[in-house]
């Protein structure tokens, strides 16, 4: 028998048993043929075959149904060599259709082999079935079989690589989406660590830090880094604003990344470097047992770019929000100063309003918005004459009407803006003197006709004012203030909010202590 001819007659008809000790790094190849000699000789020829540094593992099936079962139970078959005629004339064709249509497997390379070409003409089979090659058994010499194996496994490898890239990019998109939705810098930093460890299946020991300020042409700040989030063994460094206390190898890695302005890979850890166009820099330290593959590194860099852009946007957003907060407080304090009252009043009203909103069941975002808008409740007082605003005695009827107009004036001033804080501020300014029983002003609203933000700020404002010195009164002791609040429950104030205030009076008292007059 010539050395390069595979399928000559042979007296040995014993079936080789499927391998029970599969090499996880081997290419897995299914041989489906009802002739035992085909299995034996194929194994003999391919005994020393390797591709891309990996051996092959041959899995035998002797019928179409057995081949279907193997394909159903194994999703990592690289190549299937299918005999067309087995227990029935089109068994191999049925297996090929089953792989593509029932299992929806588009990755396994399918090669049909036949000793009876007339049973399934090549041009019809290629046109009708999603296969990758069609061979007459007499064509498969040793050389040609090796050529077929190289070409087919190379195709499978490249398809799998493309699929890994696709899945990797999908993971990056999902991970980036989680980071994008973080909203706040602190949550963003934790999300970065969670997603980068999940993305690559890395260790849970990680650290993320970023420059807390940007270098600029005005030299207003020097660049400093602060640890925003840390996990595992790095947790002790959370909120640290210096590299000095970090292990020497991490500090050296950070310095190398900043000097070279690119990420650094070491034997058992990764230093990620992310920079934005505006000059902010972020550093990421993650431990691993095995160095990431070239694909993993590529995905990390894509992810790093998304992280840098998101962080920059969050910095800008928080800067805008912080500017809004400060302007609101400054405006509220200016009004209080004009009426010769303490500016700490607006801070206390804001804090107490947030507490009431949270305990009432509003979301964190809603409670925060009320906190930001509540200092504007008396902004309309800017239009009230000093002689009326600061009158130490009781106002006469005309003066009282002018004084009451500050609610409508404040609403008119703030409602001209379409910013959420100022829109809610307009509602609060216009409704914080409405009463639960409908006896308030300026519109005589009652109960839940009054916006919840107006009801909350009304209670916070009056309670804090009672405990503060004014031009027309001394500060009331806590017991006296609480007695009046209880008496006005269901009259001036929402009874549910009064209950919440009384149940949390210790926390409210702490706010007053934190921001004294």
Protein backbone atom coordinates (compact mmCIF):
# COMPACT_ATOMS: atom_id res chain seq x y z
CA UNK A 1 0.00 0.00 0.00
CA UNK A 2 1.48 3.40 -0.94
CA UNK A 3 2.39 5.52 2.09
CA UNK A 4 0.31 8.48 1.03
CA UNK A 5 -2.92 6.60 0.31
CA UNK A 6 -5.32 6.47 3.23
CA UNK A 7 -8.31 4.35 2.46
CA UNK A 8 -7.03 1.01 1.15
CA UNK A 9 -8.59 -2.18 2.55
CA UNK A 10 -7.40 -3.31 5.99
CA UNK A 11 -8.35 -6.40 8.00
CA UNK A 12 -8.48 -4.53 11.35
CA UNK A 13 -12.13 -3.56 11.87
CA UNK A 14 -12.09 -2.60 15.57
CA UNK A 15 -13.51 0.83 16.38
CA UNK A 16 -11.14 3.20 18.20
CA UNK A 17 -12.70 4.50 21.40
CA UNK A 18 -13.28 8.26 21.79
CA UNK A 19 -10.66 10.02 23.90
CA UNK A 20 -11.65 10.46 27.56
CA UNK A 21 -8.66 12.67 28.39
CA UNK A 22 -9.25 15.60 26.08
CA UNK A 23 -6.37 18.06 25.84
CA UNK A 24 -8.00 21.45 26.49
CA UNK A 25 -5.46 23.21 24.23
CA UNK A 26 -5.94 20.83 21.29
CA UNK A 27 -7.98 21.46 18.16
CA UNK A 28 -11.02 19.19 18.40
CA UNK A 29 -11.92 17.41 15.16
CA UNK A 30 -14.98 15.17 14.64
CA UNK A 31 -14.69 12.18 12.29
CA UNK A 32 -18.14 10.85 11.35
CA UNK A 33 -17.94 7.71 9.22
CA UNK A 34 -19.48 4.25 9.42
CA UNK A 35 -16.24 2.58 8.25
CA UNK A 36 -13.91 1.81 11.20
CA UNK A 37 -10.89 1.76 8.88
CA UNK A 38 -11.43 5.40 8.02
CA UNK A 39 -11.15 6.31 11.71
CA UNK A 40 -8.10 4.15 12.30
CA UNK A 41 -6.13 5.31 9.28
CA UNK A 42 -7.06 8.99 9.78
CA UNK A 43 -5.76 8.78 13.34
CA UNK A 44 -2.58 7.07 12.17
CA UNK A 45 -1.87 9.73 9.54
CA UNK A 46 -2.64 12.67 11.85
CA UNK A 47 -0.87 11.33 14.95
CA UNK A 48 1.88 13.95 14.87
CA UNK A 49 -0.11 16.71 13.19
CA UNK A 50 0.09 20.18 14.82
CA UNK A 51 -1.19 23.57 13.83
CA UNK A 52 -0.29 26.86 15.49
CA UNK A 53 1.58 24.96 18.21
CA UNK A 54 -1.46 22.88 19.15
CA UNK A 55 -2.11 19.19 18.56
CA UNK A 56 -5.46 17.81 17.44
CA UNK A 57 -7.92 15.67 19.35
CA UNK A 58 -9.90 13.31 17.09
CA UNK A 59 -13.44 12.42 18.19
CA UNK A 60 -15.14 9.49 16.45
CA UNK A 61 -18.78 9.01 15.50
CA UNK A 62 -20.05 6.05 13.49
CA UNK A 63 -23.47 7.31 12.51
CA UNK A 64 -25.25 10.55 11.75
CA UNK A 65 -27.20 10.43 15.00
CA UNK A 66 -24.02 9.89 17.04
CA UNK A 67 -22.41 12.84 15.23
CA UNK A 68 -25.40 15.04 16.07
CA UNK A 69 -25.15 14.05 19.74
CA UNK A 70 -21.44 14.91 19.86
CA UNK A 71 -22.02 18.27 18.18
CA UNK A 72 -24.91 18.99 20.52
CA UNK A 73 -22.77 18.28 23.60
CA UNK A 74 -19.61 20.10 22.45
CA UNK A 75 -19.50 23.68 21.24
CA UNK A 76 -15.75 23.74 20.58
CA UNK A 77 -15.47 21.35 17.61
CA UNK A 78 -13.18 23.10 15.15
CA UNK A 79 -13.74 20.78 12.19
CA UNK A 80 -16.19 18.03 11.23
CA UNK A 81 -15.19 15.42 8.62
CA UNK A 82 -18.56 13.93 7.60
CA UNK A 83 -19.15 10.88 5.46
CA UNK A 84 -22.19 11.50 3.26
CA UNK A 85 -23.54 7.93 3.36
CA UNK A 86 -23.74 6.25 6.76
CA UNK A 87 -26.88 4.68 8.27
CA UNK A 88 -28.80 6.33 5.44
CA UNK A 89 -27.91 7.80 2.06
CA UNK A 90 -27.93 11.44 3.20
CA UNK A 91 -26.86 11.06 6.85
CA UNK A 92 -23.85 13.36 6.48
CA UNK A 93 -25.92 16.00 4.70
CA UNK A 94 -28.49 15.87 7.51
CA UNK A 95 -25.72 16.34 10.09
CA UNK A 96 -24.39 19.37 8.20
CA UNK A 97 -27.86 20.93 8.12
CA UNK A 98 -28.38 20.10 11.81
CA UNK A 99 -25.10 21.84 12.75
CA UNK A 100 -25.92 25.02 10.85
CA UNK A 101 -29.66 25.31 11.33
CA UNK A 102 -30.64 23.50 14.53
CA UNK A 103 -27.51 24.30 16.55
CA UNK A 104 -26.98 27.65 14.79
CA UNK A 105 -23.26 26.82 14.71
CA UNK A 106 -21.53 28.98 12.10
CA UNK A 107 -18.01 28.38 13.39
CA UNK A 108 -17.26 24.68 12.97
CA UNK A 109 -15.71 24.01 9.55
CA UNK A 110 -17.59 21.22 7.77
CA UNK A 111 -15.92 18.96 5.18
CA UNK A 112 -18.05 16.31 3.47
CA UNK A 113 -16.32 13.10 2.32
CA UNK A 114 -17.84 10.46 0.15
CA UNK A 115 -16.85 7.20 -1.48
CA UNK A 116 -19.98 7.33 -3.63
CA UNK A 117 -19.90 10.70 -5.50
CA UNK A 118 -23.00 9.82 -7.50
CA UNK A 119 -25.13 9.72 -4.34
CA UNK A 120 -24.60 13.45 -3.74
CA UNK A 121 -23.26 15.40 -6.75
CA UNK A 122 -20.72 18.02 -5.66
CA UNK A 123 -22.27 21.04 -7.40
CA UNK A 124 -25.69 20.36 -5.82
CA UNK A 125 -24.27 19.78 -2.33
CA UNK A 126 -22.11 22.92 -2.35
CA UNK A 127 -25.05 25.01 -3.58
CA UNK A 128 -27.62 23.58 -1.13
CA UNK A 129 -25.65 23.02 2.09
CA UNK A 130 -23.57 25.44 4.16
CA UNK A 131 -20.35 23.43 4.06
CA UNK A 132 -16.73 24.44 3.57
CA UNK A 133 -15.37 21.69 1.36
CA UNK A 134 -16.40 18.49 -0.43
CA UNK A 135 -13.95 15.65 -1.04
CA UNK A 136 -13.99 12.27 -2.73
CA UNK A 137 -12.37 9.80 -0.35
CA UNK A 138 -10.02 8.70 -3.09
CA UNK A 139 -8.65 12.29 -3.21
CA UNK A 140 -7.52 12.34 0.39
CA UNK A 141 -3.93 11.25 0.29
CA UNK A 142 -1.75 11.94 3.31
CA UNK A 143 -0.46 15.14 1.76
CA UNK A 144 -3.88 16.37 0.75
CA UNK A 145 -5.39 15.54 4.14
CA UNK A 146 -2.67 17.55 5.87
CA UNK A 147 -3.26 20.43 3.46
CA UNK A 148 -6.97 20.26 4.18
CA UNK A 149 -6.34 20.28 7.94
CA UNK A 150 -4.07 23.34 7.75
CA UNK A 151 -6.48 25.32 5.56
CA UNK A 152 -9.57 24.40 7.55
CA UNK A 153 -8.10 24.97 11.03
CA UNK A 154 -6.59 28.27 9.89
CA UNK A 155 -10.04 29.38 8.76
CA UNK A 156 -11.60 28.27 12.08
CA UNK A 157 -8.88 30.07 14.07
CA UNK A 158 -9.41 33.33 12.19
CA UNK A 159 -13.20 33.16 12.58
CA UNK A 160 -12.82 32.55 16.32
CA UNK A 161 -10.41 35.48 16.59
CA UNK A 162 -12.89 37.76 14.87
CA UNK A 163 -15.64 36.50 17.16
CA UNK A 164 -13.47 37.10 20.24
CA UNK A 165 -12.90 40.66 19.07
CA UNK A 166 -16.63 41.13 18.53
CA UNK A 167 -17.51 39.75 21.96
CA UNK A 168 -14.71 41.75 23.52
CA UNK A 169 -16.00 44.95 21.96
CA UNK A 170 -19.52 44.10 23.14
CA UNK A 171 -18.14 43.72 26.66
CA UNK A 172 -16.33 47.05 26.36
CA UNK A 173 -19.55 48.72 25.22
CA UNK A 174 -21.51 47.19 28.10
CA UNK A 175 -18.78 48.06 30.59
CA UNK A 176 -18.56 51.60 29.23
CA UNK A 177 -22.34 51.96 29.49
CA UNK A 178 -22.15 51.03 33.17
CA UNK A 179 -19.46 53.65 33.69
CA UNK A 180 -21.34 56.29 31.66
CA UNK A 181 -24.42 55.85 33.86
CA UNK A 182 -22.49 56.23 37.13
CA UNK A 183 -23.42 59.94 37.35
CA UNK A 184 -21.04 60.89 40.16
CA UNK A 185 -17.26 60.76 40.35
CA UNK A 186 -17.27 58.37 43.34
CA UNK A 187 -19.69 55.94 41.69
CA UNK A 188 -17.82 56.33 38.40
CA UNK A 189 -14.53 55.28 40.00
CA UNK A 190 -16.06 52.19 41.60
CA UNK A 191 -17.73 51.30 38.30
CA UNK A 192 -14.37 51.56 36.49
CA UNK A 193 -12.82 49.03 38.87
CA UNK A 194 -15.80 46.67 38.73
CA UNK A 195 -16.01 46.71 34.96
CA UNK A 196 -12.30 46.40 34.19
CA UNK A 197 -11.98 43.37 36.49
CA UNK A 198 -15.14 41.81 35.03
CA UNK A 199 -14.13 42.66 31.48
CA UNK A 200 -10.94 40.60 31.61
CA UNK A 201 -11.66 38.27 34.53
CA UNK A 202 -8.82 39.83 36.50
CA UNK A 203 -8.16 39.85 40.22
CA UNK A 204 -10.29 41.93 42.57
CA UNK A 205 -7.27 43.83 43.90
CA UNK A 206 -7.35 47.12 42.06
CA UNK A 207 -6.91 50.85 42.54
CA UNK A 208 -8.13 53.85 40.54
CA UNK A 209 -6.90 57.40 40.97
CA UNK A 210 -7.16 60.62 39.04
CA UNK A 211 -5.82 64.12 38.98
CA UNK A 212 -8.05 66.22 41.20
CA UNK A 213 -7.20 69.40 39.31
CA UNK A 214 -5.87 70.34 35.90
CA UNK A 215 -2.79 72.27 34.94
CA UNK A 216 -3.82 75.38 33.09
CA UNK A 217 -2.24 78.47 31.60
CA UNK A 218 -3.38 80.57 34.56
CA UNK A 219 -1.46 78.29 36.96
CA UNK A 220 -4.39 78.26 39.37
CA UNK A 221 -3.67 74.69 40.47
CA UNK A 222 -0.85 72.21 40.64
CA UNK A 223 -1.59 68.69 39.47
CA UNK A 224 -2.38 66.31 42.33
CA UNK A 225 -3.73 62.78 42.26
CA UNK A 226 -6.37 61.34 44.57
CA UNK A 227 -7.41 57.70 44.97
CA UNK A 228 -11.09 57.58 43.98
CA UNK A 229 -11.72 53.87 44.51
CA UNK A 230 -9.86 50.77 45.64
CA UNK A 231 -10.65 47.08 46.14
CA UNK A 232 -9.02 44.06 47.76
CA UNK A 233 -5.62 44.69 49.29
CA UNK A 234 -5.62 48.26 47.98
CA UNK A 235 -8.63 49.39 50.04
CA UNK A 236 -6.41 51.02 52.67
CA UNK A 237 -5.42 53.65 50.10
CA UNK A 238 -8.99 54.87 49.44
CA UNK A 239 -9.26 58.71 49.41
CA UNK A 240 -5.48 59.09 49.70
CA UNK A 241 -4.21 62.16 47.83
CA UNK A 242 -0.53 61.21 47.56
CA UNK A 243 1.53 58.39 46.09
CA UNK A 244 3.96 58.55 49.00
CA UNK A 245 2.34 55.80 51.09
CA UNK A 246 1.79 53.39 48.22
CA UNK A 247 4.08 50.39 47.65
CA UNK A 248 7.26 51.32 45.78
CA UNK A 249 6.46 49.17 42.73
CA UNK A 250 3.04 50.80 42.26
CA UNK A 251 4.47 54.28 42.67
CA UNK A 252 7.22 53.46 40.17
CA UNK A 253 4.66 52.07 37.73
CA UNK A 254 2.52 55.21 38.02
CA UNK A 255 5.52 57.45 37.47
CA UNK A 256 6.60 55.42 34.41
CA UNK A 257 3.09 55.58 32.95
CA UNK A 258 2.91 59.36 33.44
CA UNK A 259 6.39 59.91 32.03
CA UNK A 260 5.75 57.75 28.93
CA UNK A 261 2.06 58.75 28.78
CA UNK A 262 0.94 55.20 28.04
CA UNK A 263 -0.21 52.10 29.90
CA UNK A 264 2.39 49.72 31.34
CA UNK A 265 2.22 45.91 31.55
CA UNK A 266 4.23 43.96 34.12
CA UNK A 267 4.47 40.27 35.04
CA UNK A 268 1.56 40.25 37.47
CA UNK A 269 -0.05 43.69 37.29
CA UNK A 270 -1.21 46.35 34.86
CA UNK A 271 -0.86 50.13 35.12
CA UNK A 272 -3.46 51.86 32.97
CA UNK A 273 -2.87 55.45 31.87
CA UNK A 274 -5.85 57.50 30.63
CA UNK A 275 -5.50 61.12 29.53
CA UNK A 276 -8.10 63.53 28.22
CA UNK A 277 -7.69 66.40 25.79
CA UNK A 278 -8.21 68.87 28.62
CA UNK A 279 -5.22 67.58 30.54
CA UNK A 280 -6.75 65.45 33.28
CA UNK A 281 -4.99 62.14 33.87
CA UNK A 282 -6.18 58.92 35.46
CA UNK A 283 -4.20 55.90 36.62
CA UNK A 284 -5.43 52.35 37.16
CA UNK A 285 -3.63 49.52 38.96
CA UNK A 286 -4.95 45.97 38.52
CA UNK A 287 -3.36 42.67 39.55
CA UNK A 288 -3.52 39.48 37.47
CA UNK A 289 -2.03 35.97 37.54
CA UNK A 290 -1.43 35.81 33.79
CA UNK A 291 -0.46 38.67 31.50
CA UNK A 292 -3.39 39.73 29.31
CA UNK A 293 -3.39 38.59 25.70
CA UNK A 294 -2.86 40.99 22.81
CA UNK A 295 -6.66 41.14 22.40
CA UNK A 296 -7.15 41.87 26.10
CA UNK A 297 -4.62 44.69 25.91
CA UNK A 298 -6.36 46.14 22.87
CA UNK A 299 -9.72 46.02 24.69
CA UNK A 300 -8.17 47.65 27.75
CA UNK A 301 -6.91 50.54 25.66
CA UNK A 302 -10.32 51.02 24.00
CA UNK A 303 -11.93 50.94 27.42
CA UNK A 304 -9.32 53.35 28.74
CA UNK A 305 -10.22 55.87 26.05
CA UNK A 306 -13.90 55.68 27.01
CA UNK A 307 -13.01 56.04 30.68
CA UNK A 308 -10.91 59.15 30.04
CA UNK A 309 -13.67 60.84 28.03
CA UNK A 310 -16.32 59.94 30.62
CA UNK A 311 -14.19 61.19 33.50
CA UNK A 312 -13.59 64.49 31.74
CA UNK A 313 -17.31 64.92 31.13
CA UNK A 314 -18.08 64.10 34.74
CA UNK A 315 -15.52 66.62 35.94
CA UNK A 316 -17.12 69.31 33.80
CA UNK A 317 -20.60 68.29 34.97
CA UNK A 318 -19.63 68.34 38.63
CA UNK A 319 -17.88 71.66 38.18
CA UNK A 320 -21.07 73.12 36.69
CA UNK A 321 -23.23 71.61 39.44
CA UNK A 322 -20.89 72.85 42.15
CA UNK A 323 -20.95 76.32 40.62
CA UNK A 324 -24.75 76.19 40.63
CA UNK A 325 -24.79 75.14 44.28
CA UNK A 326 -22.46 77.93 45.30
CA UNK A 327 -24.39 80.54 43.34
CA UNK A 328 -27.68 79.40 44.87
CA UNK A 329 -26.22 79.55 48.38
CA UNK A 330 -24.62 82.93 47.70
CA UNK A 331 -27.89 84.33 46.38
CA UNK A 332 -29.84 82.95 49.33
CA UNK A 333 -27.28 84.28 51.77
CA UNK A 334 -27.35 87.70 50.09
CA UNK A 335 -31.09 87.86 50.64
CA UNK A 336 -30.70 86.82 54.26
CA UNK A 337 -27.94 89.37 54.81
CA UNK A 338 -30.13 92.11 53.38
CA UNK A 339 -32.84 91.25 55.85
CA UNK A 340 -30.18 91.26 58.59
CA UNK A 341 -30.58 87.54 59.20
CA UNK A 342 -27.95 84.85 59.34
CA UNK A 343 -26.71 83.34 56.08
CA UNK A 344 -26.39 79.90 57.77
CA UNK A 345 -30.20 79.74 57.72
CA UNK A 346 -30.27 78.82 54.01
CA UNK A 347 -27.72 76.03 54.50
CA UNK A 348 -29.73 74.58 57.37
CA UNK A 349 -32.98 74.82 55.41
CA UNK A 350 -31.31 73.02 52.51
CA UNK A 351 -29.99 70.20 54.70
CA UNK A 352 -33.22 69.80 56.66
CA UNK A 353 -35.24 69.84 53.43
CA UNK A 354 -33.13 67.02 52.00
CA UNK A 355 -33.57 64.96 55.16
CA UNK A 356 -37.36 65.41 55.07
CA UNK A 357 -37.46 64.58 51.35
CA UNK A 358 -35.48 61.37 51.80
CA UNK A 359 -37.58 60.20 54.74
CA UNK A 360 -40.76 61.09 52.87
CA UNK A 361 -39.70 58.55 50.23
CA UNK A 362 -38.49 60.74 47.40
CA UNK A 363 -35.59 59.47 45.30
CA UNK A 364 -32.04 60.55 45.99
CA UNK A 365 -32.07 62.71 42.85
CA UNK A 366 -35.34 64.40 43.88
CA UNK A 367 -34.11 64.98 47.43
CA UNK A 368 -30.87 66.48 46.13
CA UNK A 369 -32.76 68.80 43.77
CA UNK A 370 -34.93 70.07 46.64
CA UNK A 371 -31.81 70.64 48.69
CA UNK A 372 -30.27 72.68 45.87
CA UNK A 373 -33.40 74.74 45.18
CA UNK A 374 -34.68 75.38 48.72
CA UNK A 375 -32.16 78.19 49.53
CA UNK A 376 -34.01 80.30 46.94
CA UNK A 377 -37.29 80.29 48.88
CA UNK A 378 -37.02 83.96 49.92
CA UNK A 379 -35.32 85.36 46.80
CA UNK A 380 -38.36 87.60 46.20
CA UNK A 381 -37.39 89.66 49.26
CA UNK A 382 -34.90 91.52 47.07
CA UNK A 383 -37.87 93.61 45.87
CA UNK A 384 -39.18 94.42 49.37
CA UNK A 385 -38.19 97.89 50.71
CA UNK A 386 -35.72 97.85 53.62
CA UNK A 387 -38.07 99.75 55.94
CA UNK A 388 -40.62 96.96 55.58
CA UNK A 389 -38.23 94.04 55.35
CA UNK A 390 -36.31 95.01 58.50
CA UNK A 391 -39.16 96.55 60.53
CA UNK A 392 -38.70 95.35 64.11
CA UNK A 393 -42.40 95.62 64.99
CA UNK A 394 -45.59 94.27 63.51
CA UNK A 395 -46.45 95.26 59.93
CA UNK A 396 -49.63 97.23 59.26
CA UNK A 397 -52.11 95.93 56.68
CA UNK A 398 -50.52 97.68 53.70
CA UNK A 399 -47.01 96.68 54.74
CA UNK A 400 -48.11 93.10 55.22
CA UNK A 401 -49.51 92.95 51.69
CA UNK A 402 -46.20 94.24 50.35
CA UNK A 403 -44.32 91.75 52.50
CA UNK A 404 -46.44 88.85 51.26
CA UNK A 405 -45.70 89.78 47.65
CA UNK A 406 -42.17 88.40 47.98
CA UNK A 407 -43.54 84.89 47.27
CA UNK A 408 -45.03 85.86 43.90
CA UNK A 409 -42.03 88.04 43.03
CA UNK A 410 -39.61 85.19 43.76
CA UNK A 411 -41.65 82.83 41.61
CA UNK A 412 -41.68 85.34 38.72
CA UNK A 413 -37.92 85.92 38.92
CA UNK A 414 -36.97 82.24 38.93
CA UNK A 415 -39.56 80.92 36.49
CA UNK A 416 -37.87 82.78 33.63
CA UNK A 417 -35.14 80.12 33.62
CA UNK A 418 -35.49 76.63 32.15
CA UNK A 419 -32.84 75.16 34.48
CA UNK A 420 -34.25 72.45 36.73
CA UNK A 421 -32.89 73.96 39.94
CA UNK A 422 -34.34 77.37 39.19
CA UNK A 423 -37.63 75.91 37.96
CA UNK A 424 -38.05 74.05 41.25
CA UNK A 425 -36.82 77.16 43.08
CA UNK A 426 -39.68 79.09 41.44
CA UNK A 427 -42.20 76.55 42.78
CA UNK A 428 -40.69 76.68 46.26
CA UNK A 429 -40.52 80.50 46.30
CA UNK A 430 -44.16 80.74 45.24
CA UNK A 431 -45.54 78.06 47.58
CA UNK A 432 -43.51 78.02 50.77
CA UNK A 433 -46.10 80.22 52.51
CA UNK A 434 -49.09 78.11 51.43
CA UNK A 435 -50.82 76.25 54.29
CA UNK A 436 -52.05 72.68 54.43
CA UNK A 437 -55.53 73.95 55.38
CA UNK A 438 -55.67 76.43 52.50
CA UNK A 439 -55.24 79.54 54.67
CA UNK A 440 -51.82 80.52 53.31
CA UNK A 441 -50.71 82.80 50.48
CA UNK A 442 -50.38 83.85 47.68
CA UNK A 443 -52.84 81.42 46.00
CA UNK A 444 -54.60 79.76 48.94
CA UNK A 445 -53.56 76.26 47.87
CA UNK A 446 -54.31 73.42 50.25
CA UNK A 447 -53.11 69.90 51.05
CA UNK A 448 -51.54 68.14 48.08
CA UNK A 449 -52.35 71.03 45.77
CA UNK A 450 -49.14 72.39 47.27
CA UNK A 451 -46.08 70.89 45.59
CA UNK A 452 -44.17 68.50 47.87
CA UNK A 453 -41.05 70.67 47.53
CA UNK A 454 -43.07 73.70 48.74
CA UNK A 455 -44.48 71.73 51.71
CA UNK A 456 -41.05 70.42 52.68
CA UNK A 457 -39.30 73.79 52.45
CA UNK A 458 -42.15 75.52 54.33
CA UNK A 459 -41.68 73.24 57.34
CA UNK A 460 -37.86 73.38 57.23
CA UNK A 461 -37.93 77.19 56.91
CA UNK A 462 -40.34 77.83 59.79
CA UNK A 463 -38.72 75.31 62.12
CA UNK A 464 -35.24 76.77 61.61
CA UNK A 465 -36.50 80.36 61.79
CA UNK A 466 -38.16 79.65 65.15
CA UNK A 467 -34.83 78.56 66.58
CA UNK A 468 -32.95 81.57 65.15
CA UNK A 469 -32.75 85.19 66.30
CA UNK A 470 -34.53 87.69 64.05
CA UNK A 471 -34.93 91.47 64.06
CA UNK A 472 -38.43 91.00 65.42
CA UNK A 473 -37.80 88.14 67.95
CA UNK A 474 -35.33 86.13 69.98
CA UNK A 475 -34.46 82.50 69.20
CA UNK A 476 -36.97 80.03 70.62
CA UNK A 477 -35.87 77.02 72.67
CA UNK A 478 -36.30 73.66 70.92
CA UNK A 479 -39.24 72.52 73.08
CA UNK A 480 -41.24 75.67 72.34
CA UNK A 481 -40.54 75.43 68.61
CA UNK A 482 -41.58 71.78 68.49
CA UNK A 483 -44.79 72.54 70.39
CA UNK A 484 -45.80 75.13 67.78
CA UNK A 485 -44.93 72.75 64.94
CA UNK A 486 -47.11 70.04 66.49
CA UNK A 487 -49.96 72.51 66.98
CA UNK A 488 -49.78 73.49 63.31
CA UNK A 489 -49.75 69.89 62.04
CA UNK A 490 -52.66 69.57 59.62
CA UNK A 491 -53.17 73.35 59.70
CA UNK A 492 -50.08 75.10 58.39
CA UNK A 493 -47.99 72.00 57.75
CA UNK A 494 -48.35 68.61 56.08
CA UNK A 495 -49.01 66.25 59.04
CA UNK A 496 -46.87 63.47 57.52
CA UNK A 497 -43.89 65.83 57.23
CA UNK A 498 -44.41 66.97 60.82
CA UNK A 499 -44.29 63.32 61.94
CA UNK A 500 -41.06 62.80 59.98
CA UNK A 501 -39.51 65.93 61.54
CA UNK A 502 -40.39 64.81 65.06
CA UNK A 503 -39.14 61.25 64.44
CA UNK A 504 -35.81 62.59 63.19
CA UNK A 505 -35.40 65.56 65.54
CA UNK A 506 -31.96 64.33 66.71
CA UNK A 507 -30.65 64.40 63.13
CA UNK A 508 -32.22 67.82 62.56
CA UNK A 509 -30.57 69.10 65.74
CA UNK A 510 -27.22 67.85 64.45
CA UNK A 511 -27.70 69.92 61.29
CA UNK A 512 -28.33 73.04 63.41
CA UNK A 513 -25.18 72.31 65.40
CA UNK A 514 -23.17 71.77 62.21
CA UNK A 515 -24.20 75.16 60.79
CA UNK A 516 -24.59 77.51 63.77
CA UNK A 517 -25.56 81.18 63.55
